[in-house]
Amino acid sequence: MKTSLSGVPETTLWPLHNRASEAARTDGCIRDEKCLEIYRAIDYDYVRSFGTYSGTRSCLGNRCLALRRRLSCMAV
């Protein structure tokens, strides 16, 4: 499927790129075959627009989520 997105609509593909990149890793922390199917079906140059996936974004997200959970447990 060919796409010609730009601006804000284009950025909606960024989470798809990150999730699919993590799901495609052999040592990835998620498995999401549907995400990979959608990702591969869209004819788009993800790397040109969003760069090579490094995994650090998901690590930061996981750390942030863990911190939020810990803080919510401490709130009284």
C-alpha atoms as a PDB file:
ATOM      1  CA  MET A   1       0.000   0.000   0.000  1.00  0.00           C
ATOM      2  CA  LYS A   2       1.615   3.261  -1.176  1.00  0.00           C
ATOM      3  CA  THR A   3       1.305   6.273   1.116  1.00  0.00           C
ATOM      4  CA  SER A   4       2.064   9.964   0.695  1.00  0.00           C
ATOM      5  CA  LEU A   5       1.694  11.342   4.203  1.00  0.00           C
ATOM      6  CA  SER A   6       3.419  14.425   5.606  1.00  0.00           C
ATOM      7  CA  GLY A   7       3.295  16.543   8.737  1.00  0.00           C
ATOM      8  CA  VAL A   8       1.197  15.372  11.672  1.00  0.00           C
ATOM      9  CA  PRO A   9      -0.437  12.403   9.853  1.00  0.00           C
ATOM     10  CA  GLU A  10       3.024  11.115   8.983  1.00  0.00           C
ATOM     11  CA  THR A  11       4.057  11.017  12.650  1.00  0.00           C
ATOM     12  CA  THR A  12       1.265   8.536  13.366  1.00  0.00           C
ATOM     13  CA  LEU A  13       3.487   5.926  11.685  1.00  0.00           C
ATOM     14  CA  TRP A  14       6.336   6.492  14.171  1.00  0.00           C
ATOM     15  CA  PRO A  15       4.850   4.316  16.966  1.00  0.00           C
ATOM     16  CA  LEU A  16       4.116   1.642  14.359  1.00  0.00           C
ATOM     17  CA  HIS A  17       7.764   1.771  13.257  1.00  0.00           C
ATOM     18  CA  ASN A  18       9.024   1.450  16.836  1.00  0.00           C
ATOM     19  CA  ARG A  19       6.632  -1.354  17.796  1.00  0.00           C
ATOM     20  CA  ALA A  20       7.241  -3.342  14.616  1.00  0.00           C
ATOM     21  CA  SER A  21      10.993  -2.912  14.943  1.00  0.00           C
ATOM     22  CA  GLU A  22      10.881  -4.250  18.502  1.00  0.00           C
ATOM     23  CA  ALA A  23       8.540  -7.094  17.534  1.00  0.00           C
ATOM     24  CA  ALA A  24      10.848  -8.101  14.666  1.00  0.00           C
ATOM     25  CA  ARG A  25      13.870  -8.477  16.965  1.00  0.00           C
ATOM     26  CA  THR A  26      14.707 -12.024  18.006  1.00  0.00           C
ATOM     27  CA  ASP A  27      15.382 -10.749  21.531  1.00  0.00           C
ATOM     28  CA  GLY A  28      12.534  -8.236  21.504  1.00  0.00           C
ATOM     29  CA  CYS A  29      10.314  -7.771  24.543  1.00  0.00           C
ATOM     30  CA  ILE A  30       7.060  -7.943  22.547  1.00  0.00           C
ATOM     31  CA  ARG A  31       5.541 -10.227  19.928  1.00  0.00           C
ATOM     32  CA  ASP A  32       2.982  -8.632  17.626  1.00  0.00           C
ATOM     33  CA  GLU A  33       2.452 -10.391  14.315  1.00  0.00           C
ATOM     34  CA  LYS A  34      -0.459  -8.114  13.334  1.00  0.00           C
ATOM     35  CA  CYS A  35       1.728  -5.046  13.825  1.00  0.00           C
ATOM     36  CA  LEU A  36       4.419  -6.589  11.616  1.00  0.00           C
ATOM     37  CA  GLU A  37       1.809  -7.440   8.980  1.00  0.00           C
ATOM     38  CA  ILE A  38       0.538  -3.845   8.874  1.00  0.00           C
ATOM     39  CA  TYR A  39       4.068  -2.402   8.973  1.00  0.00           C
ATOM     40  CA  ARG A  40       5.190  -4.502   6.021  1.00  0.00           C
ATOM     41  CA  ALA A  41       2.012  -3.799   4.030  1.00  0.00           C
ATOM     42  CA  ILE A  42       2.590  -0.022   4.025  1.00  0.00           C
ATOM     43  CA  ASP A  43       5.074   1.096   1.363  1.00  0.00           C
ATOM     44  CA  TYR A  44       6.884   3.773   3.365  1.00  0.00           C
ATOM     45  CA  ASP A  45      10.498   4.682   4.104  1.00  0.00           C
ATOM     46  CA  TYR A  46      10.328   4.570   7.904  1.00  0.00           C
ATOM     47  CA  VAL A  47      14.091   4.858   8.400  1.00  0.00           C
ATOM     48  CA  ARG A  48      14.324   8.001   6.257  1.00  0.00           C
ATOM     49  CA  SER A  49      11.613   9.712   8.300  1.00  0.00           C
ATOM     50  CA  PHE A  50      12.197   8.355  11.810  1.00  0.00           C
ATOM     51  CA  GLY A  51      15.714   6.948  11.817  1.00  0.00           C
ATOM     52  CA  THR A  52      16.921   3.481  12.688  1.00  0.00           C
ATOM     53  CA  TYR A  53      15.178   1.948  15.679  1.00  0.00           C
ATOM     54  CA  SER A  54      17.574   1.607  18.598  1.00  0.00           C
ATOM     55  CA  GLY A  55      15.407   0.160  21.338  1.00  0.00           C
ATOM     56  CA  THR A  56      16.331   2.978  23.715  1.00  0.00           C
ATOM     57  CA  ARG A  57      12.949   4.587  23.232  1.00  0.00           C
ATOM     58  CA  SER A  58      11.153   1.500  24.491  1.00  0.00           C
ATOM     59  CA  CYS A  59      13.626   1.164  27.380  1.00  0.00           C
ATOM     60  CA  LEU A  60      12.929   4.753  28.402  1.00  0.00           C
ATOM     61  CA  GLY A  61       9.205   4.116  28.074  1.00  0.00           C
ATOM     62  CA  ASN A  62       9.447   1.034  30.279  1.00  0.00           C
ATOM     63  CA  ARG A  63      11.439   2.929  32.905  1.00  0.00           C
ATOM     64  CA  CYS A  64       8.895   5.760  32.861  1.00  0.00           C
ATOM     65  CA  LEU A  65       6.021   3.296  33.230  1.00  0.00           C
ATOM     66  CA  ALA A  66       7.733   1.537  36.149  1.00  0.00           C
ATOM     67  CA  LEU A  67       8.327   4.884  37.860  1.00  0.00           C
ATOM     68  CA  ARG A  68       4.697   5.931  37.378  1.00  0.00           C
ATOM     69  CA  ARG A  69       3.494   2.646  38.855  1.00  0.00           C
ATOM     70  CA  ARG A  70       5.786   3.028  41.831  1.00  0.00           C
ATOM     71  CA  LEU A  71       4.706   6.613  42.450  1.00  0.00           C
ATOM     72  CA  SER A  72       1.020   5.743  42.182  1.00  0.00           C
ATOM     73  CA  CYS A  73       1.489   3.057  44.852  1.00  0.00           C
ATOM     74  CA  MET A  74       3.081   5.625  47.157  1.00  0.00           C
ATOM     75  CA  ALA A  75       0.321   8.224  46.700  1.00  0.00           C
ATOM     76  CA  VAL A  76      -2.085   8.401  49.589  1.00  0.00           C
END
